[in-house]
Amino acid sequence: METRSETDIGMLWHSYKSGGCQDSKDRLILHYSPLVKYIAGRISANLPQNIDQGDLVSYGIFGLIDAIEKYDTTRDIKFETYAINRIKGAIIDELRALDWVPRSVRHRARELERIYYELENNLKRPPTDNEVATAMGMSVEEHHELLSQLSYTSMLALEELWSVGDKDDKVSLIDSIEDTTSPDPAVSFEFEEMKTILADAIQKLPEREQIVIALYYYDGLTLREIGDILGVTESRVSQLHTKAVIRLKSKMRSAQIMHLDG
């Protein structure tokens, strides 16, 4: 980021937040813009090569601007921590809007999610790869190949796990580690409820899948870096990630059904 002292940055924040100074806002955007490039680079490392990193940076800038506009300087949270979530969210929202994942792949993802949902409800435990493959009418090798094909769409899947209220507010892994507040007590309650369910679902994942989720979403590591830590290939980490996402989505789907029935 542009070299400025904490005092200088504090003055820019005060000037912008107290008087709406556009020049101060522009300087804040310039100062924090390298953060956007960093996040775009981390995300692009796990996407197909035809996705241009420059485009991701452009999407992320909108997230940075939104973060600067909404950041509350009186809260006990660093701006960088607050902004990372907004920048990443803006990039993912735009990727989803571009609909770059083939429809056939989305269909297979929904089918696999349904199988996991049914097996987990029937078995009362996470199904094995062999059980899933049998239910899908394929070999374990074909199942692993399918997981690899679904890896890109699963990168976005956890960002839209749950919607509450009338404004399509969402609970995601990002929200589960952040203090999400809302002026509507009912919406805030639902956020807290679903954050608890999501956290519980993560704890029930197989150990390696828990590790992958933690390192990817909480620590911000790439799949390659996670593979180095676990001593497995990047493609194997991708499969573990995809399975974890599918398991979590099936659990959240079950929770949503119970929520609606209640």
C-alpha atoms as a PDB file:
ATOM      1  CA  MET A   1       0.000   0.000   0.000  1.00  0.00           C
ATOM      2  CA  GLU A   2       1.059   3.601  -0.531  1.00  0.00           C
ATOM      3  CA  THR A   3       3.478   4.609   2.222  1.00  0.00           C
ATOM      4  CA  ARG A   4       1.758   6.874   4.712  1.00  0.00           C
ATOM      5  CA  SER A   5       2.020   7.153   8.466  1.00  0.00           C
ATOM      6  CA  GLU A   6      -0.860   5.981  10.660  1.00  0.00           C
ATOM      7  CA  THR A   7      -1.366   9.609  11.652  1.00  0.00           C
ATOM      8  CA  ASP A   8      -1.752  10.647   8.002  1.00  0.00           C
ATOM      9  CA  ILE A   9      -4.256   7.843   7.367  1.00  0.00           C
ATOM     10  CA  GLY A  10      -6.156   8.750  10.507  1.00  0.00           C
ATOM     11  CA  MET A  11      -6.421  12.341   9.293  1.00  0.00           C
ATOM     12  CA  LEU A  12      -7.729  11.168   5.907  1.00  0.00           C
ATOM     13  CA  TRP A  13     -10.365   9.027   7.610  1.00  0.00           C
ATOM     14  CA  HIS A  14     -11.408  11.923   9.838  1.00  0.00           C
ATOM     15  CA  SER A  15     -11.585  14.329   6.893  1.00  0.00           C
ATOM     16  CA  TYR A  16     -13.700  11.937   4.843  1.00  0.00           C
ATOM     17  CA  LYS A  17     -16.015  10.688   7.580  1.00  0.00           C
ATOM     18  CA  SER A  18     -16.592  14.056   9.240  1.00  0.00           C
ATOM     19  CA  GLY A  19     -16.907  16.242   6.165  1.00  0.00           C
ATOM     20  CA  GLY A  20     -17.293  13.916   3.193  1.00  0.00           C
ATOM     21  CA  CYS A  21     -14.092  15.224   1.600  1.00  0.00           C
ATOM     22  CA  GLN A  22     -13.836  13.607  -1.862  1.00  0.00           C
ATOM     23  CA  ASP A  23     -10.089  14.198  -2.066  1.00  0.00           C
ATOM     24  CA  SER A  24      -9.579  12.315   1.203  1.00  0.00           C
ATOM     25  CA  LYS A  25     -11.735   9.465  -0.083  1.00  0.00           C
ATOM     26  CA  ASP A  26      -9.705   9.280  -3.284  1.00  0.00           C
ATOM     27  CA  ARG A  27      -6.480   9.175  -1.273  1.00  0.00           C
ATOM     28  CA  LEU A  28      -7.859   6.371   0.891  1.00  0.00           C
ATOM     29  CA  ILE A  29      -8.768   4.403  -2.237  1.00  0.00           C
ATOM     30  CA  LEU A  30      -5.238   4.918  -3.591  1.00  0.00           C
ATOM     31  CA  HIS A  31      -3.671   3.936  -0.286  1.00  0.00           C
ATOM     32  CA  TYR A  32      -5.608   0.680   0.063  1.00  0.00           C
ATOM     33  CA  SER A  33      -5.728  -0.285  -3.642  1.00  0.00           C
ATOM     34  CA  PRO A  34      -2.790  -2.749  -3.377  1.00  0.00           C
ATOM     35  CA  LEU A  35      -5.023  -4.759  -1.058  1.00  0.00           C
ATOM     36  CA  VAL A  36      -7.390  -5.293  -3.996  1.00  0.00           C
ATOM     37  CA  LYS A  37      -4.579  -6.556  -6.233  1.00  0.00           C
ATOM     38  CA  TYR A  38      -3.441  -8.944  -3.514  1.00  0.00           C
ATOM     39  CA  ILE A  39      -6.929 -10.424  -3.005  1.00  0.00           C
ATOM     40  CA  ALA A  40      -7.558 -10.649  -6.759  1.00  0.00           C
ATOM     41  CA  GLY A  41      -4.308 -12.568  -7.122  1.00  0.00           C
ATOM     42  CA  ARG A  42      -5.252 -15.025  -4.401  1.00  0.00           C
ATOM     43  CA  ILE A  43      -8.670 -15.660  -5.952  1.00  0.00           C
ATOM     44  CA  SER A  44      -7.365 -15.964  -9.517  1.00  0.00           C
ATOM     45  CA  ALA A  45      -4.915 -18.666  -8.416  1.00  0.00           C
ATOM     46  CA  ASN A  46      -7.883 -21.027  -7.986  1.00  0.00           C
ATOM     47  CA  LEU A  47      -9.809 -20.062 -11.132  1.00  0.00           C
ATOM     48  CA  PRO A  48      -9.504 -21.076 -14.806  1.00  0.00           C
ATOM     49  CA  GLN A  49      -6.745 -19.328 -16.767  1.00  0.00           C
ATOM     50  CA  ASN A  50      -9.282 -17.572 -19.009  1.00  0.00           C
ATOM     51  CA  ILE A  51     -10.402 -15.456 -16.039  1.00  0.00           C
ATOM     52  CA  ASP A  52      -8.300 -12.287 -16.275  1.00  0.00           C
ATOM     53  CA  GLN A  53      -6.805 -11.056 -13.022  1.00  0.00           C
ATOM     54  CA  GLY A  54      -7.114  -7.470 -14.212  1.00  0.00           C
ATOM     55  CA  ASP A  55     -10.868  -7.910 -14.404  1.00  0.00           C
ATOM     56  CA  LEU A  56     -10.897  -9.242 -10.847  1.00  0.00           C
ATOM     57  CA  VAL A  57      -9.012  -6.135  -9.700  1.00  0.00           C
ATOM     58  CA  SER A  58     -11.643  -3.945 -11.371  1.00  0.00           C
ATOM     59  CA  TYR A  59     -14.420  -5.818  -9.580  1.00  0.00           C
ATOM     60  CA  GLY A  60     -12.556  -5.601  -6.287  1.00  0.00           C
ATOM     61  CA  ILE A  61     -12.142  -1.820  -6.500  1.00  0.00           C
ATOM     62  CA  PHE A  62     -15.917  -1.482  -6.206  1.00  0.00           C
ATOM     63  CA  GLY A  63     -15.745  -3.577  -3.046  1.00  0.00           C
ATOM     64  CA  LEU A  64     -12.987  -1.350  -1.671  1.00  0.00           C
ATOM     65  CA  ILE A  65     -15.001   1.802  -2.360  1.00  0.00           C
ATOM     66  CA  ASP A  66     -18.042   0.257  -0.694  1.00  0.00           C
ATOM     67  CA  ALA A  67     -15.913  -0.698   2.315  1.00  0.00           C
ATOM     68  CA  ILE A  68     -14.518   2.840   2.642  1.00  0.00           C
ATOM     69  CA  GLU A  69     -18.003   4.311   2.454  1.00  0.00           C
ATOM     70  CA  LYS A  70     -19.466   1.945   5.060  1.00  0.00           C
ATOM     71  CA  TYR A  71     -16.540   1.559   7.438  1.00  0.00           C
ATOM     72  CA  ASP A  72     -17.257   2.754  10.961  1.00  0.00           C
ATOM     73  CA  THR A  73     -14.049   4.226  12.366  1.00  0.00           C
ATOM     74  CA  THR A  74     -15.412   3.999  15.917  1.00  0.00           C
ATOM     75  CA  ARG A  75     -15.595   0.191  15.816  1.00  0.00           C
ATOM     76  CA  ASP A  76     -12.766  -1.885  17.223  1.00  0.00           C
ATOM     77  CA  ILE A  77     -11.856  -3.547  13.929  1.00  0.00           C
ATOM     78  CA  LYS A  78      -9.030  -2.790  11.520  1.00  0.00           C
ATOM     79  CA  PHE A  79     -10.113  -1.444   8.162  1.00  0.00           C
ATOM     80  CA  GLU A  80      -8.046  -4.057   6.321  1.00  0.00           C
ATOM     81  CA  THR A  81      -9.933  -6.855   8.093  1.00  0.00           C
ATOM     82  CA  TYR A  82     -13.246  -5.226   7.242  1.00  0.00           C
ATOM     83  CA  ALA A  83     -12.298  -4.430   3.646  1.00  0.00           C
ATOM     84  CA  ILE A  84     -10.944  -7.858   2.701  1.00  0.00           C
ATOM     85  CA  ASN A  85     -14.394  -9.387   3.078  1.00  0.00           C
ATOM     86  CA  ARG A  86     -16.044  -6.641   0.998  1.00  0.00           C
ATOM     87  CA  ILE A  87     -13.430  -6.809  -1.748  1.00  0.00           C
ATOM     88  CA  LYS A  88     -13.609 -10.581  -1.980  1.00  0.00           C
ATOM     89  CA  GLY A  89     -17.409 -10.441  -1.928  1.00  0.00           C
ATOM     90  CA  ALA A  90     -17.509  -7.906  -4.774  1.00  0.00           C
ATOM     91  CA  ILE A  91     -15.237 -10.077  -6.915  1.00  0.00           C
ATOM     92  CA  ILE A  92     -17.256 -13.216  -6.247  1.00  0.00           C
ATOM     93  CA  ASP A  93     -20.568 -11.429  -6.896  1.00  0.00           C
ATOM     94  CA  GLU A  94     -19.332 -10.285 -10.286  1.00  0.00           C
ATOM     95  CA  LEU A  95     -17.982 -13.723 -11.185  1.00  0.00           C
ATOM     96  CA  ARG A  96     -21.357 -15.215 -10.336  1.00  0.00           C
ATOM     97  CA  ALA A  97     -23.148 -12.577 -12.413  1.00  0.00           C
ATOM     98  CA  LEU A  98     -20.957 -13.438 -15.415  1.00  0.00           C
ATOM     99  CA  ASP A  99     -22.284 -17.017 -15.177  1.00  0.00           C
ATOM    100  CA  TRP A 100     -18.978 -18.431 -16.482  1.00  0.00           C
ATOM    101  CA  VAL A 101     -19.654 -21.922 -15.127  1.00  0.00           C
ATOM    102  CA  PRO A 102     -21.324 -24.109 -17.821  1.00  0.00           C
ATOM    103  CA  ARG A 103     -24.960 -25.028 -17.174  1.00  0.00           C
ATOM    104  CA  SER A 104     -24.139 -28.747 -17.419  1.00  0.00           C
ATOM    105  CA  VAL A 105     -21.610 -28.366 -14.609  1.00  0.00           C
ATOM    106  CA  ARG A 106     -24.148 -26.564 -12.442  1.00  0.00           C
ATOM    107  CA  HIS A 107     -26.625 -29.388 -13.072  1.00  0.00           C
ATOM    108  CA  ARG A 108     -24.097 -32.029 -11.949  1.00  0.00           C
ATOM    109  CA  ALA A 109     -23.319 -29.947  -8.867  1.00  0.00           C
ATOM    110  CA  ARG A 110     -26.995 -29.860  -7.865  1.00  0.00           C
ATOM    111  CA  GLU A 111     -27.324 -33.593  -8.518  1.00  0.00           C
ATOM    112  CA  LEU A 112     -24.302 -34.405  -6.369  1.00  0.00           C
ATOM    113  CA  GLU A 113     -25.541 -32.112  -3.611  1.00  0.00           C
ATOM    114  CA  ARG A 114     -28.883 -33.969  -3.633  1.00  0.00           C
ATOM    115  CA  ILE A 115     -27.099 -37.325  -3.320  1.00  0.00           C
ATOM    116  CA  TYR A 116     -25.042 -36.094  -0.363  1.00  0.00           C
ATOM    117  CA  TYR A 117     -28.177 -34.667   1.246  1.00  0.00           C
ATOM    118  CA  GLU A 118     -30.098 -37.941   0.920  1.00  0.00           C
ATOM    119  CA  LEU A 119     -27.216 -40.169   2.004  1.00  0.00           C
ATOM    120  CA  GLU A 120     -26.358 -38.068   5.054  1.00  0.00           C
ATOM    121  CA  ASN A 121     -30.005 -38.086   6.157  1.00  0.00           C
ATOM    122  CA  ASN A 122     -30.283 -41.861   5.671  1.00  0.00           C
ATOM    123  CA  LEU A 123     -26.880 -42.857   7.068  1.00  0.00           C
ATOM    124  CA  LYS A 124     -26.749 -40.232   9.849  1.00  0.00           C
ATOM    125  CA  ARG A 125     -23.072 -39.691   8.995  1.00  0.00           C
ATOM    126  CA  PRO A 126     -20.972 -38.336   6.115  1.00  0.00           C
ATOM    127  CA  PRO A 127     -21.100 -40.817   3.203  1.00  0.00           C
ATOM    128  CA  THR A 128     -17.882 -42.322   1.847  1.00  0.00           C
ATOM    129  CA  ASP A 129     -16.666 -41.718  -1.686  1.00  0.00           C
ATOM    130  CA  ASN A 130     -17.654 -45.276  -2.576  1.00  0.00           C
ATOM    131  CA  GLU A 131     -21.201 -44.786  -1.266  1.00  0.00           C
ATOM    132  CA  VAL A 132     -21.601 -41.527  -3.173  1.00  0.00           C
ATOM    133  CA  ALA A 133     -20.187 -43.038  -6.357  1.00  0.00           C
ATOM    134  CA  THR A 134     -22.545 -46.016  -6.102  1.00  0.00           C
ATOM    135  CA  ALA A 135     -25.548 -43.731  -5.607  1.00  0.00           C
ATOM    136  CA  MET A 136     -24.457 -41.710  -8.645  1.00  0.00           C
ATOM    137  CA  GLY A 137     -24.043 -44.872 -10.721  1.00  0.00           C
ATOM    138  CA  MET A 138     -20.342 -44.347 -11.346  1.00  0.00           C
ATOM    139  CA  SER A 139     -16.959 -45.593 -10.227  1.00  0.00           C
ATOM    140  CA  VAL A 140     -14.951 -43.917  -7.463  1.00  0.00           C
ATOM    141  CA  GLU A 141     -12.499 -42.702 -10.118  1.00  0.00           C
ATOM    142  CA  GLU A 142     -15.355 -41.117 -12.089  1.00  0.00           C
ATOM    143  CA  HIS A 143     -16.628 -39.548  -8.868  1.00  0.00           C
ATOM    144  CA  HIS A 144     -13.207 -37.991  -8.224  1.00  0.00           C
ATOM    145  CA  GLU A 145     -13.129 -36.676 -11.785  1.00  0.00           C
ATOM    146  CA  LEU A 146     -16.555 -35.120 -11.241  1.00  0.00           C
ATOM    147  CA  LEU A 147     -15.318 -33.415  -8.085  1.00  0.00           C
ATOM    148  CA  SER A 148     -12.445 -31.944 -10.086  1.00  0.00           C
ATOM    149  CA  GLN A 149     -14.879 -30.672 -12.729  1.00  0.00           C
ATOM    150  CA  LEU A 150     -16.996 -29.036 -10.027  1.00  0.00           C
ATOM    151  CA  SER A 151     -14.060 -27.405  -8.256  1.00  0.00           C
ATOM    152  CA  TYR A 152     -14.496 -23.964  -9.829  1.00  0.00           C
ATOM    153  CA  THR A 153     -18.201 -23.652  -9.096  1.00  0.00           C
ATOM    154  CA  SER A 154     -17.611 -24.773  -5.496  1.00  0.00           C
ATOM    155  CA  MET A 155     -15.260 -21.822  -5.020  1.00  0.00           C
ATOM    156  CA  LEU A 156     -18.305 -19.567  -5.171  1.00  0.00           C
ATOM    157  CA  ALA A 157     -20.854 -21.842  -3.541  1.00  0.00           C
ATOM    158  CA  LEU A 158     -20.287 -20.954   0.104  1.00  0.00           C
ATOM    159  CA  GLU A 159     -20.876 -17.271  -0.548  1.00  0.00           C
ATOM    160  CA  GLU A 160     -24.627 -17.835  -0.957  1.00  0.00           C
ATOM    161  CA  LEU A 161     -25.472 -20.389   1.710  1.00  0.00           C
ATOM    162  CA  TRP A 162     -28.362 -18.658   3.399  1.00  0.00           C
ATOM    163  CA  SER A 163     -30.670 -15.708   2.868  1.00  0.00           C
ATOM    164  CA  VAL A 164     -32.608 -13.973   5.622  1.00  0.00           C
ATOM    165  CA  GLY A 165     -34.954 -11.021   5.870  1.00  0.00           C
ATOM    166  CA  ASP A 166     -36.439  -9.062   3.002  1.00  0.00           C
ATOM    167  CA  LYS A 167     -33.217  -7.716   1.529  1.00  0.00           C
ATOM    168  CA  ASP A 168     -31.579 -10.964   0.482  1.00  0.00           C
ATOM    169  CA  ASP A 169     -29.002 -10.685   3.258  1.00  0.00           C
ATOM    170  CA  LYS A 170     -26.687 -13.682   3.271  1.00  0.00           C
ATOM    171  CA  VAL A 171     -24.770 -15.661   5.856  1.00  0.00           C
ATOM    172  CA  SER A 172     -21.495 -17.025   4.531  1.00  0.00           C
ATOM    173  CA  LEU A 173     -18.239 -18.286   5.979  1.00  0.00           C
ATOM    174  CA  ILE A 174     -17.075 -14.693   5.900  1.00  0.00           C
ATOM    175  CA  ASP A 175     -20.052 -13.628   8.020  1.00  0.00           C
ATOM    176  CA  SER A 176     -19.495 -16.507  10.434  1.00  0.00           C
ATOM    177  CA  ILE A 177     -16.258 -14.927  11.682  1.00  0.00           C
ATOM    178  CA  GLU A 178     -17.397 -11.319  11.512  1.00  0.00           C
ATOM    179  CA  ASP A 179     -19.609  -9.210  13.714  1.00  0.00           C
ATOM    180  CA  THR A 180     -22.594  -8.841  11.403  1.00  0.00           C
ATOM    181  CA  THR A 181     -25.079  -6.315  12.707  1.00  0.00           C
ATOM    182  CA  SER A 182     -28.522  -5.322  11.515  1.00  0.00           C
ATOM    183  CA  PRO A 183     -31.048  -2.735  12.689  1.00  0.00           C
ATOM    184  CA  ASP A 184     -33.732  -5.440  12.443  1.00  0.00           C
ATOM    185  CA  PRO A 185     -33.602  -7.698  15.557  1.00  0.00           C
ATOM    186  CA  ALA A 186     -35.388 -10.541  13.718  1.00  0.00           C
ATOM    187  CA  VAL A 187     -32.833 -10.490  10.902  1.00  0.00           C
ATOM    188  CA  SER A 188     -29.967 -10.307  13.411  1.00  0.00           C
ATOM    189  CA  PHE A 189     -31.375 -13.322  15.235  1.00  0.00           C
ATOM    190  CA  GLU A 190     -31.548 -15.335  12.009  1.00  0.00           C
ATOM    191  CA  PHE A 191     -27.962 -14.371  11.168  1.00  0.00           C
ATOM    192  CA  GLU A 192     -26.784 -15.585  14.560  1.00  0.00           C
ATOM    193  CA  GLU A 193     -28.833 -18.767  14.286  1.00  0.00           C
ATOM    194  CA  MET A 194     -27.429 -19.667  10.883  1.00  0.00           C
ATOM    195  CA  LYS A 195     -23.880 -18.743  11.877  1.00  0.00           C
ATOM    196  CA  THR A 196     -24.224 -21.259  14.722  1.00  0.00           C
ATOM    197  CA  ILE A 197     -25.567 -23.941  12.368  1.00  0.00           C
ATOM    198  CA  LEU A 198     -22.789 -23.291   9.856  1.00  0.00           C
ATOM    199  CA  ALA A 199     -20.092 -23.443  12.532  1.00  0.00           C
ATOM    200  CA  ASP A 200     -21.557 -26.718  13.821  1.00  0.00           C
ATOM    201  CA  ALA A 201     -21.658 -28.129  10.269  1.00  0.00           C
ATOM    202  CA  ILE A 202     -17.980 -27.285   9.767  1.00  0.00           C
ATOM    203  CA  GLN A 203     -17.051 -29.049  13.011  1.00  0.00           C
ATOM    204  CA  LYS A 204     -18.783 -32.214  11.762  1.00  0.00           C
ATOM    205  CA  LEU A 205     -16.779 -32.359   8.537  1.00  0.00           C
ATOM    206  CA  PRO A 206     -14.075 -35.037   8.221  1.00  0.00           C
ATOM    207  CA  GLU A 207     -10.814 -33.716   9.685  1.00  0.00           C
ATOM    208  CA  ARG A 208      -8.993 -33.063   6.405  1.00  0.00           C
ATOM    209  CA  GLU A 209     -11.969 -31.231   4.947  1.00  0.00           C
ATOM    210  CA  GLN A 210     -12.136 -29.061   8.083  1.00  0.00           C
ATOM    211  CA  ILE A 211      -8.474 -28.193   7.610  1.00  0.00           C
ATOM    212  CA  VAL A 212      -8.978 -27.286   3.956  1.00  0.00           C
ATOM    213  CA  ILE A 213     -11.965 -25.053   4.768  1.00  0.00           C
ATOM    214  CA  ALA A 214     -10.081 -23.335   7.597  1.00  0.00           C
ATOM    215  CA  LEU A 215      -6.927 -22.730   5.569  1.00  0.00           C
ATOM    216  CA  TYR A 216      -8.774 -21.581   2.446  1.00  0.00           C
ATOM    217  CA  TYR A 217     -11.500 -19.349   3.908  1.00  0.00           C
ATOM    218  CA  TYR A 218     -10.061 -18.243   7.231  1.00  0.00           C
ATOM    219  CA  ASP A 219      -6.321 -18.106   6.529  1.00  0.00           C
ATOM    220  CA  GLY A 220      -6.638 -17.178   2.843  1.00  0.00           C
ATOM    221  CA  LEU A 221      -4.240 -19.800   1.489  1.00  0.00           C
ATOM    222  CA  THR A 222      -4.405 -21.026  -2.098  1.00  0.00           C
ATOM    223  CA  LEU A 223      -5.128 -24.658  -2.897  1.00  0.00           C
ATOM    224  CA  ARG A 224      -1.489 -25.151  -3.880  1.00  0.00           C
ATOM    225  CA  GLU A 225      -0.281 -23.800  -0.537  1.00  0.00           C
ATOM    226  CA  ILE A 226      -2.741 -26.037   1.312  1.00  0.00           C
ATOM    227  CA  GLY A 227      -1.473 -29.012  -0.683  1.00  0.00           C
ATOM    228  CA  ASP A 228       2.082 -28.236   0.423  1.00  0.00           C
ATOM    229  CA  ILE A 229       0.952 -28.198   4.054  1.00  0.00           C
ATOM    230  CA  LEU A 230      -1.013 -31.451   3.796  1.00  0.00           C
ATOM    231  CA  GLY A 231       1.535 -33.159   1.590  1.00  0.00           C
ATOM    232  CA  VAL A 232      -0.941 -33.853  -1.223  1.00  0.00           C
ATOM    233  CA  THR A 233      -1.445 -32.559  -4.749  1.00  0.00           C
ATOM    234  CA  GLU A 234      -3.353 -29.392  -5.568  1.00  0.00           C
ATOM    235  CA  SER A 235      -5.970 -31.473  -7.394  1.00  0.00           C
ATOM    236  CA  ARG A 236      -6.520 -33.583  -4.268  1.00  0.00           C
ATOM    237  CA  VAL A 237      -7.025 -30.441  -2.187  1.00  0.00           C
ATOM    238  CA  SER A 238      -9.506 -29.253  -4.809  1.00  0.00           C
ATOM    239  CA  GLN A 239     -11.463 -32.495  -4.412  1.00  0.00           C
ATOM    240  CA  LEU A 240     -11.453 -32.171  -0.609  1.00  0.00           C
ATOM    241  CA  HIS A 241     -12.649 -28.587  -0.885  1.00  0.00           C
ATOM    242  CA  THR A 242     -15.464 -29.513  -3.265  1.00  0.00           C
ATOM    243  CA  LYS A 243     -16.634 -32.359  -1.025  1.00  0.00           C
ATOM    244  CA  ALA A 244     -16.581 -30.065   2.009  1.00  0.00           C
ATOM    245  CA  VAL A 245     -18.655 -27.440   0.207  1.00  0.00           C
ATOM    246  CA  ILE A 246     -21.200 -30.034  -0.914  1.00  0.00           C
ATOM    247  CA  ARG A 247     -21.479 -31.448   2.611  1.00  0.00           C
ATOM    248  CA  LEU A 248     -21.958 -27.970   4.080  1.00  0.00           C
ATOM    249  CA  LYS A 249     -24.553 -27.017   1.487  1.00  0.00           C
ATOM    250  CA  SER A 250     -26.514 -30.208   2.164  1.00  0.00           C
ATOM    251  CA  LYS A 251     -26.485 -29.485   5.903  1.00  0.00           C
ATOM    252  CA  MET A 252     -27.561 -25.884   5.343  1.00  0.00           C
ATOM    253  CA  ARG A 253     -30.279 -27.069   2.988  1.00  0.00           C
ATOM    254  CA  SER A 254     -31.592 -29.358   5.721  1.00  0.00           C
ATOM    255  CA  ALA A 255     -31.464 -26.485   8.217  1.00  0.00           C
ATOM    256  CA  GLN A 256     -33.307 -24.220   5.794  1.00  0.00           C
ATOM    257  CA  ILE A 257     -36.082 -26.773   5.339  1.00  0.00           C
ATOM    258  CA  MET A 258     -36.470 -27.141   9.102  1.00  0.00           C
ATOM    259  CA  HIS A 259     -36.434 -23.347   9.430  1.00  0.00           C
ATOM    260  CA  LEU A 260     -39.225 -22.933   6.886  1.00  0.00           C
ATOM    261  CA  ASP A 261     -41.258 -25.760   8.410  1.00  0.00           C
ATOM    262  CA  GLY A 262     -40.904 -24.166  11.817  1.00  0.00           C
END
